[in-house]
Amino acid sequence: MYDELKEEEIVRKVGGRFKLSTLIQKRLVQLNQGARPLVEGNGLDKMSIVLQEILHDKIFLDKDSKVGVSSSPDFDAPPELDLDSV
C-alpha cells in the first residue's frame, strides 16, 4: 500500500477522494502514453511518481476534470500536450 494514500493531506489537497482517484487515473494514462514525470522519479514506479507530483503541487484537476500542470517557477519543462484535442 502507498503510505501517501493513508494521509488525509493528499485527499484535502485534491478536493476529495473521488477527485484524487480521477487525477491519479488520468495522470497514469498520460505517463503510460509517454508523458514526462514532473518530479525526480529515479527508480519509482508510476503510481509513486503521480503521488509525488500531487504532493509537490505539480498537477491538479482543472474545472473540466482534466489534468492541469502547475506553472511553478521551479519547473521549466515544456507543457504537456493534450492529445485528446488532436
PDB file of N, CA and C in Angstrom:
ATOM      1  N   MET A   1       0.842  -1.183   0.000  1.00  0.00           N
ATOM      2  CA  MET A   1       0.000   0.000   0.000  1.00  0.00           C
ATOM      3  C   MET A   1       0.887   1.246   0.000  1.00  0.00           C
ATOM      4  N   TYR A   2       0.420   2.276  -0.609  1.00  0.00           N
ATOM      5  CA  TYR A   2       1.165   3.523  -0.667  1.00  0.00           C
ATOM      6  C   TYR A   2       0.805   4.373   0.550  1.00  0.00           C
ATOM      7  N   ASP A   3       1.818   4.702   1.349  1.00  0.00           N
ATOM      8  CA  ASP A   3       1.580   5.445   2.586  1.00  0.00           C
ATOM      9  C   ASP A   3       0.934   6.793   2.339  1.00  0.00           C
ATOM     10  N   GLU A   4       1.235   7.421   1.197  1.00  0.00           N
ATOM     11  CA  GLU A   4       0.668   8.734   0.891  1.00  0.00           C
ATOM     12  C   GLU A   4      -0.861   8.697   0.834  1.00  0.00           C
ATOM     13  N   LEU A   5      -1.421   7.565   0.410  1.00  0.00           N
ATOM     14  CA  LEU A   5      -2.869   7.449   0.291  1.00  0.00           C
ATOM     15  C   LEU A   5      -3.550   7.302   1.652  1.00  0.00           C
ATOM     16  N   LYS A   6      -2.787   6.973   2.693  1.00  0.00           N
ATOM     17  CA  LYS A   6      -3.348   6.841   4.027  1.00  0.00           C
ATOM     18  C   LYS A   6      -3.502   8.200   4.703  1.00  0.00           C
ATOM     19  N   GLU A   7      -2.819   9.199   4.186  1.00  0.00           N
ATOM     20  CA  GLU A   7      -2.846  10.527   4.792  1.00  0.00           C
ATOM     21  C   GLU A   7      -3.992  11.350   4.218  1.00  0.00           C
ATOM     22  N   GLU A   8      -4.656  12.104   5.069  1.00  0.00           N
ATOM     23  CA  GLU A   8      -5.752  12.968   4.628  1.00  0.00           C
ATOM     24  C   GLU A   8      -5.241  14.189   3.874  1.00  0.00           C
ATOM     25  N   GLU A   9      -3.963  14.531   4.033  1.00  0.00           N
ATOM     26  CA  GLU A   9      -3.400  15.708   3.365  1.00  0.00           C
ATOM     27  C   GLU A   9      -3.581  15.633   1.852  1.00  0.00           C
ATOM     28  N   ILE A  10      -3.291  14.503   1.281  1.00  0.00           N
ATOM     29  CA  ILE A  10      -3.385  14.365  -0.180  1.00  0.00           C
ATOM     30  C   ILE A  10      -4.845  14.426  -0.633  1.00  0.00           C
ATOM     31  N   VAL A  11      -5.762  13.927   0.173  1.00  0.00           N
ATOM     32  CA  VAL A  11      -7.186  13.981  -0.160  1.00  0.00           C
ATOM     33  C   VAL A  11      -7.668  15.427  -0.123  1.00  0.00           C
ATOM     34  N   ARG A  12      -7.295  16.168   0.921  1.00  0.00           N
ATOM     35  CA  ARG A  12      -7.683  17.580   1.032  1.00  0.00           C
ATOM     36  C   ARG A  12      -7.052  18.416  -0.069  1.00  0.00           C
ATOM     37  N   LYS A  13      -5.820  18.114  -0.424  1.00  0.00           N
ATOM     38  CA  LYS A  13      -5.100  18.875  -1.447  1.00  0.00           C
ATOM     39  C   LYS A  13      -5.819  18.821  -2.793  1.00  0.00           C
ATOM     40  N   VAL A  14      -6.392  17.682  -3.118  1.00  0.00           N
ATOM     41  CA  VAL A  14      -7.057  17.497  -4.407  1.00  0.00           C
ATOM     42  C   VAL A  14      -8.538  17.881  -4.344  1.00  0.00           C
ATOM     43  N   GLY A  15      -9.145  17.756  -3.164  1.00  0.00           N
ATOM     44  CA  GLY A  15     -10.544  18.135  -3.042  1.00  0.00           C
ATOM     45  C   GLY A  15     -11.497  16.976  -2.828  1.00  0.00           C
ATOM     46  N   GLY A  16     -10.984  15.849  -2.392  1.00  0.00           N
ATOM     47  CA  GLY A  16     -11.828  14.692  -2.108  1.00  0.00           C
ATOM     48  C   GLY A  16     -11.279  13.415  -2.721  1.00  0.00           C
ATOM     49  N   ARG A  17     -11.792  12.309  -2.233  1.00  0.00           N
ATOM     50  CA  ARG A  17     -11.302  11.001  -2.686  1.00  0.00           C
ATOM     51  C   ARG A  17     -11.654  10.718  -4.146  1.00  0.00           C
ATOM     52  N   PHE A  18     -12.844  11.137  -4.578  1.00  0.00           N
ATOM     53  CA  PHE A  18     -13.222  10.914  -5.972  1.00  0.00           C
ATOM     54  C   PHE A  18     -12.298  11.692  -6.902  1.00  0.00           C
ATOM     55  N   LYS A  19     -12.040  12.947  -6.587  1.00  0.00           N
ATOM     56  CA  LYS A  19     -11.139  13.755  -7.416  1.00  0.00           C
ATOM     57  C   LYS A  19      -9.722  13.192  -7.386  1.00  0.00           C
ATOM     58  N   LEU A  20      -9.304  12.696  -6.229  1.00  0.00           N
ATOM     59  CA  LEU A  20      -7.973  12.094  -6.121  1.00  0.00           C
ATOM     60  C   LEU A  20      -7.858  10.887  -7.031  1.00  0.00           C
ATOM     61  N   SER A  21      -8.846   9.994  -6.983  1.00  0.00           N
ATOM     62  CA  SER A  21      -8.769   8.795  -7.823  1.00  0.00           C
ATOM     63  C   SER A  21      -8.843   9.162  -9.310  1.00  0.00           C
ATOM     64  N   THR A  22      -9.628  10.179  -9.639  1.00  0.00           N
ATOM     65  CA  THR A  22      -9.709  10.625 -11.033  1.00  0.00           C
ATOM     66  C   THR A  22      -8.383  11.190 -11.500  1.00  0.00           C
ATOM     67  N   LEU A  23      -7.771  12.031 -10.677  1.00  0.00           N
ATOM     68  CA  LEU A  23      -6.479  12.631 -11.025  1.00  0.00           C
ATOM     69  C   LEU A  23      -5.405  11.557 -11.187  1.00  0.00           C
ATOM     70  N   ILE A  24      -5.359  10.615 -10.271  1.00  0.00           N
ATOM     71  CA  ILE A  24      -4.369   9.541 -10.351  1.00  0.00           C
ATOM     72  C   ILE A  24      -4.554   8.750 -11.639  1.00  0.00           C
ATOM     73  N   GLN A  25      -5.780   8.371 -11.928  1.00  0.00           N
ATOM     74  CA  GLN A  25      -6.050   7.560 -13.123  1.00  0.00           C
ATOM     75  C   GLN A  25      -5.655   8.306 -14.389  1.00  0.00           C
ATOM     76  N   LYS A  26      -6.050   9.561 -14.504  1.00  0.00           N
ATOM     77  CA  LYS A  26      -5.750  10.326 -15.715  1.00  0.00           C
ATOM     78  C   LYS A  26      -4.256  10.567 -15.876  1.00  0.00           C
ATOM     79  N   ARG A  27      -3.559  10.836 -14.768  1.00  0.00           N
ATOM     80  CA  ARG A  27      -2.116  11.073 -14.855  1.00  0.00           C
ATOM     81  C   ARG A  27      -1.375   9.776 -15.188  1.00  0.00           C
ATOM     82  N   LEU A  28      -1.835   8.652 -14.656  1.00  0.00           N
ATOM     83  CA  LEU A  28      -1.208   7.376 -15.006  1.00  0.00           C
ATOM     84  C   LEU A  28      -1.350   7.096 -16.504  1.00  0.00           C
ATOM     85  N   VAL A  29      -2.500   7.411 -17.075  1.00  0.00           N
ATOM     86  CA  VAL A  29      -2.690   7.244 -18.514  1.00  0.00           C
ATOM     87  C   VAL A  29      -1.678   8.103 -19.267  1.00  0.00           C
ATOM     88  N   GLN A  30      -1.503   9.357 -18.845  1.00  0.00           N
ATOM     89  CA  GLN A  30      -0.541  10.239 -19.511  1.00  0.00           C
ATOM     90  C   GLN A  30       0.873   9.677 -19.436  1.00  0.00           C
ATOM     91  N   LEU A  31       1.270   9.205 -18.260  1.00  0.00           N
ATOM     92  CA  LEU A  31       2.612   8.640 -18.117  1.00  0.00           C
ATOM     93  C   LEU A  31       2.780   7.390 -18.969  1.00  0.00           C
ATOM     94  N   ASN A  32       1.755   6.558 -19.030  1.00  0.00           N
ATOM     95  CA  ASN A  32       1.823   5.347 -19.850  1.00  0.00           C
ATOM     96  C   ASN A  32       1.881   5.670 -21.334  1.00  0.00           C
ATOM     97  N   GLN A  33       1.372   6.841 -21.724  1.00  0.00           N
ATOM     98  CA  GLN A  33       1.433   7.261 -23.123  1.00  0.00           C
ATOM     99  C   GLN A  33       2.712   8.028 -23.438  1.00  0.00           C
ATOM    100  N   GLY A  34       3.614   8.143 -22.472  1.00  0.00           N
ATOM    101  CA  GLY A  34       4.913   8.733 -22.737  1.00  0.00           C
ATOM    102  C   GLY A  34       5.158  10.111 -22.163  1.00  0.00           C
ATOM    103  N   ALA A  35       4.223  10.661 -21.382  1.00  0.00           N
ATOM    104  CA  ALA A  35       4.439  11.971 -20.766  1.00  0.00           C
ATOM    105  C   ALA A  35       5.619  11.900 -19.800  1.00  0.00           C
ATOM    106  N   ARG A  36       6.334  13.010 -19.693  1.00  0.00           N
ATOM    107  CA  ARG A  36       7.482  13.054 -18.789  1.00  0.00           C
ATOM    108  C   ARG A  36       7.039  13.287 -17.353  1.00  0.00           C
ATOM    109  N   PRO A  37       7.662  12.594 -16.401  1.00  0.00           N
ATOM    110  CA  PRO A  37       7.366  12.858 -14.989  1.00  0.00           C
ATOM    111  C   PRO A  37       7.769  14.290 -14.628  1.00  0.00           C
ATOM    112  N   LEU A  38       7.040  14.882 -13.694  1.00  0.00           N
ATOM    113  CA  LEU A  38       7.300  16.248 -13.270  1.00  0.00           C
ATOM    114  C   LEU A  38       8.119  16.314 -11.987  1.00  0.00           C
ATOM    115  N   VAL A  39       8.486  15.158 -11.466  1.00  0.00           N
ATOM    116  CA  VAL A  39       9.345  15.066 -10.287  1.00  0.00           C
ATOM    117  C   VAL A  39      10.450  14.071 -10.597  1.00  0.00           C
ATOM    118  N   GLU A  40      11.521  14.144  -9.823  1.00  0.00           N
ATOM    119  CA  GLU A  40      12.588  13.161  -9.967  1.00  0.00           C
ATOM    120  C   GLU A  40      12.058  11.817  -9.504  1.00  0.00           C
ATOM    121  N   GLY A  41      12.058  10.839 -10.399  1.00  0.00           N
ATOM    122  CA  GLY A  41      11.471   9.551 -10.062  1.00  0.00           C
ATOM    123  C   GLY A  41      12.387   8.390 -10.333  1.00  0.00           C
ATOM    124  N   ASN A  42      13.668   8.587 -10.148  1.00  0.00           N
ATOM    125  CA  ASN A  42      14.613   7.507 -10.410  1.00  0.00           C
ATOM    126  C   ASN A  42      14.291   6.296  -9.552  1.00  0.00           C
ATOM    127  N   GLY A  43      13.857   5.244 -10.203  1.00  0.00           N
ATOM    128  CA  GLY A  43      13.562   4.000  -9.510  1.00  0.00           C
ATOM    129  C   GLY A  43      12.158   3.910  -8.936  1.00  0.00           C
ATOM    130  N   LEU A  44      11.362   4.968  -9.047  1.00  0.00           N
ATOM    131  CA  LEU A  44       9.994   4.930  -8.534  1.00  0.00           C
ATOM    132  C   LEU A  44       9.057   4.342  -9.584  1.00  0.00           C
ATOM    133  N   ASP A  45       8.025   3.648  -9.117  1.00  0.00           N
ATOM    134  CA  ASP A  45       7.009   3.187 -10.059  1.00  0.00           C
ATOM    135  C   ASP A  45       6.107   4.373 -10.416  1.00  0.00           C
ATOM    136  N   LYS A  46       5.294   4.206 -11.427  1.00  0.00           N
ATOM    137  CA  LYS A  46       4.482   5.324 -11.935  1.00  0.00           C
ATOM    138  C   LYS A  46       3.483   5.824 -10.910  1.00  0.00           C
ATOM    139  N   MET A  47       2.918   4.945 -10.113  1.00  0.00           N
ATOM    140  CA  MET A  47       1.972   5.370  -9.085  1.00  0.00           C
ATOM    141  C   MET A  47       2.662   6.278  -8.070  1.00  0.00           C
ATOM    142  N   SER A  48       3.860   5.918  -7.660  1.00  0.00           N
ATOM    143  CA  SER A  48       4.610   6.748  -6.711  1.00  0.00           C
ATOM    144  C   SER A  48       4.960   8.096  -7.323  1.00  0.00           C
ATOM    145  N   ILE A  49       5.264   8.115  -8.604  1.00  0.00           N
ATOM    146  CA  ILE A  49       5.553   9.376  -9.289  1.00  0.00           C
ATOM    147  C   ILE A  49       4.333  10.286  -9.258  1.00  0.00           C
ATOM    148  N   VAL A  50       3.161   9.731  -9.568  1.00  0.00           N
ATOM    149  CA  VAL A  50       1.932  10.525  -9.561  1.00  0.00           C
ATOM    150  C   VAL A  50       1.663  11.079  -8.165  1.00  0.00           C
ATOM    151  N   LEU A  51       1.814  10.257  -7.152  1.00  0.00           N
ATOM    152  CA  LEU A  51       1.571  10.716  -5.779  1.00  0.00           C
ATOM    153  C   LEU A  51       2.535  11.833  -5.399  1.00  0.00           C
ATOM    154  N   GLN A  52       3.794  11.718  -5.805  1.00  0.00           N
ATOM    155  CA  GLN A  52       4.761  12.780  -5.518  1.00  0.00           C
ATOM    156  C   GLN A  52       4.429  14.057  -6.285  1.00  0.00           C
ATOM    157  N   GLU A  53       3.957  13.919  -7.517  1.00  0.00           N
ATOM    158  CA  GLU A  53       3.555  15.092  -8.299  1.00  0.00           C
ATOM    159  C   GLU A  53       2.410  15.829  -7.608  1.00  0.00           C
ATOM    160  N   ILE A  54       1.473  15.083  -7.046  1.00  0.00           N
ATOM    161  CA  ILE A  54       0.351  15.699  -6.337  1.00  0.00           C
ATOM    162  C   ILE A  54       0.843  16.382  -5.067  1.00  0.00           C
ATOM    163  N   LEU A  55       1.636  15.688  -4.288  1.00  0.00           N
ATOM    164  CA  LEU A  55       2.117  16.240  -3.028  1.00  0.00           C
ATOM    165  C   LEU A  55       2.990  17.477  -3.224  1.00  0.00           C
ATOM    166  N   HIS A  56       3.682  17.548  -4.354  1.00  0.00           N
ATOM    167  CA  HIS A  56       4.533  18.713  -4.647  1.00  0.00           C
ATOM    168  C   HIS A  56       3.811  19.768  -5.476  1.00  0.00           C
ATOM    169  N   ASP A  57       2.495  19.650  -5.562  1.00  0.00           N
ATOM    170  CA  ASP A  57       1.664  20.633  -6.276  1.00  0.00           C
ATOM    171  C   ASP A  57       2.063  20.813  -7.738  1.00  0.00           C
ATOM    172  N   LYS A  58       2.457  19.733  -8.383  1.00  0.00           N
ATOM    173  CA  LYS A  58       2.829  19.788  -9.802  1.00  0.00           C
ATOM    174  C   LYS A  58       1.636  19.570 -10.714  1.00  0.00           C
ATOM    175  N   ILE A  59       0.637  18.810 -10.246  1.00  0.00           N
ATOM    176  CA  ILE A  59      -0.539  18.518 -11.067  1.00  0.00           C
ATOM    177  C   ILE A  59      -1.806  18.753 -10.253  1.00  0.00           C
ATOM    178  N   PHE A  60      -2.912  18.965 -10.954  1.00  0.00           N
ATOM    179  CA  PHE A  60      -4.208  19.176 -10.326  1.00  0.00           C
ATOM    180  C   PHE A  60      -5.289  18.878 -11.349  1.00  0.00           C
ATOM    181  N   LEU A  61      -6.533  18.760 -10.895  1.00  0.00           N
ATOM    182  CA  LEU A  61      -7.665  18.615 -11.803  1.00  0.00           C
ATOM    183  C   LEU A  61      -8.210  20.005 -12.068  1.00  0.00           C
ATOM    184  N   ASP A  62      -8.341  20.378 -13.346  1.00  0.00           N
ATOM    185  CA  ASP A  62      -8.904  21.681 -13.659  1.00  0.00           C
ATOM    186  C   ASP A  62     -10.425  21.610 -13.625  1.00  0.00           C
ATOM    187  N   LYS A  63     -11.090  22.706 -13.954  1.00  0.00           N
ATOM    188  CA  LYS A  63     -12.550  22.766 -13.857  1.00  0.00           C
ATOM    189  C   LYS A  63     -13.250  21.809 -14.815  1.00  0.00           C
ATOM    190  N   ASP A  64     -12.541  21.356 -15.861  1.00  0.00           N
ATOM    191  CA  ASP A  64     -13.095  20.408 -16.826  1.00  0.00           C
ATOM    192  C   ASP A  64     -12.680  18.970 -16.521  1.00  0.00           C
ATOM    193  N   SER A  65     -12.149  18.741 -15.324  1.00  0.00           N
ATOM    194  CA  SER A  65     -11.665  17.421 -14.883  1.00  0.00           C
ATOM    195  C   SER A  65     -10.544  16.891 -15.759  1.00  0.00           C
ATOM    196  N   LYS A  66      -9.718  17.794 -16.260  1.00  0.00           N
ATOM    197  CA  LYS A  66      -8.507  17.406 -16.988  1.00  0.00           C
ATOM    198  C   LYS A  66      -7.309  17.659 -16.092  1.00  0.00           C
ATOM    199  N   VAL A  67      -6.229  16.951 -16.355  1.00  0.00           N
ATOM    200  CA  VAL A  67      -5.017  17.125 -15.573  1.00  0.00           C
ATOM    201  C   VAL A  67      -4.381  18.453 -15.950  1.00  0.00           C
ATOM    202  N   GLY A  68      -4.219  19.308 -14.951  1.00  0.00           N
ATOM    203  CA  GLY A  68      -3.525  20.575 -15.154  1.00  0.00           C
ATOM    204  C   GLY A  68      -2.119  20.463 -14.604  1.00  0.00           C
ATOM    205  N   VAL A  69      -1.199  21.196 -15.214  1.00  0.00           N
ATOM    206  CA  VAL A  69       0.190  21.202 -14.769  1.00  0.00           C
ATOM    207  C   VAL A  69       0.466  22.548 -14.133  1.00  0.00           C
ATOM    208  N   SER A  70       1.024  22.508 -12.939  1.00  0.00           N
ATOM    209  CA  SER A  70       1.338  23.732 -12.218  1.00  0.00           C
ATOM    210  C   SER A  70       2.382  24.531 -12.979  1.00  0.00           C
ATOM    211  N   SER A  71       2.238  25.835 -12.948  1.00  0.00           N
ATOM    212  CA  SER A  71       3.209  26.698 -13.623  1.00  0.00           C
ATOM    213  C   SER A  71       4.180  27.276 -12.617  1.00  0.00           C
ATOM    214  N   SER A  72       4.601  26.459 -11.672  1.00  0.00           N
ATOM    215  CA  SER A  72       5.526  26.930 -10.646  1.00  0.00           C
ATOM    216  C   SER A  72       6.881  27.232 -11.266  1.00  0.00           C
ATOM    217  N   PRO A  73       7.576  28.230 -10.752  1.00  0.00           N
ATOM    218  CA  PRO A  73       8.844  28.650 -11.349  1.00  0.00           C
ATOM    219  C   PRO A  73       9.965  27.625 -11.236  1.00  0.00           C
ATOM    220  N   ASP A  74       9.827  26.622 -10.347  1.00  0.00           N
ATOM    221  CA  ASP A  74      10.899  25.642 -10.208  1.00  0.00           C
ATOM    222  C   ASP A  74      10.807  24.529 -11.245  1.00  0.00           C
ATOM    223  N   PHE A  75       9.851  24.606 -12.136  1.00  0.00           N
ATOM    224  CA  PHE A  75       9.713  23.590 -13.180  1.00  0.00           C
ATOM    225  C   PHE A  75       9.773  24.274 -14.533  1.00  0.00           C
ATOM    226  N   ASP A  76      10.735  23.890 -15.361  1.00  0.00           N
ATOM    227  CA  ASP A  76      10.921  24.596 -16.622  1.00  0.00           C
ATOM    228  C   ASP A  76      10.790  23.697 -17.851  1.00  0.00           C
ATOM    229  N   ALA A  77      10.052  22.601 -17.710  1.00  0.00           N
ATOM    230  CA  ALA A  77       9.831  21.708 -18.851  1.00  0.00           C
ATOM    231  C   ALA A  77       8.680  22.250 -19.693  1.00  0.00           C
ATOM    232  N   PRO A  78       8.619  21.858 -20.950  1.00  0.00           N
ATOM    233  CA  PRO A  78       7.506  22.296 -21.792  1.00  0.00           C
ATOM    234  C   PRO A  78       6.191  21.728 -21.288  1.00  0.00           C
ATOM    235  N   PRO A  79       5.073  22.378 -21.560  1.00  0.00           N
ATOM    236  CA  PRO A  79       3.778  21.866 -21.090  1.00  0.00           C
ATOM    237  C   PRO A  79       3.418  20.558 -21.770  1.00  0.00           C
ATOM    238  N   GLU A  80       2.574  19.794 -21.104  1.00  0.00           N
ATOM    239  CA  GLU A  80       2.106  18.528 -21.660  1.00  0.00           C
ATOM    240  C   GLU A  80       1.203  18.796 -22.853  1.00  0.00           C
ATOM    241  N   LEU A  81       1.254  17.936 -23.837  1.00  0.00           N
ATOM    242  CA  LEU A  81       0.362  18.042 -24.977  1.00  0.00           C
ATOM    243  C   LEU A  81      -0.969  17.390 -24.644  1.00  0.00           C
ATOM    244  N   ASP A  82      -2.041  18.030 -25.048  1.00  0.00           N
ATOM    245  CA  ASP A  82      -3.373  17.456 -24.866  1.00  0.00           C
ATOM    246  C   ASP A  82      -3.704  16.664 -26.119  1.00  0.00           C
ATOM    247  N   LEU A  83      -3.465  15.358 -26.073  1.00  0.00           N
ATOM    248  CA  LEU A  83      -3.670  14.515 -27.249  1.00  0.00           C
ATOM    249  C   LEU A  83      -5.137  14.302 -27.572  1.00  0.00           C
ATOM    250  N   ASP A  84      -6.023  14.606 -26.609  1.00  0.00           N
ATOM    251  CA  ASP A  84      -7.449  14.456 -26.852  1.00  0.00           C
ATOM    252  C   ASP A  84      -7.974  15.488 -27.857  1.00  0.00           C
ATOM    253  N   SER A  85      -7.288  16.624 -27.968  1.00  0.00           N
ATOM    254  CA  SER A  85      -7.769  17.680 -28.858  1.00  0.00           C
ATOM    255  C   SER A  85      -7.223  17.550 -30.287  1.00  0.00           C
ATOM    256  N   VAL A  86      -6.430  16.522 -30.524  1.00  0.00           N
ATOM    257  CA  VAL A  86      -5.841  16.346 -31.857  1.00  0.00           C
ATOM    258  C   VAL A  86      -6.771  15.537 -32.734  1.00  0.00           C
TER     259      VAL A  86
END
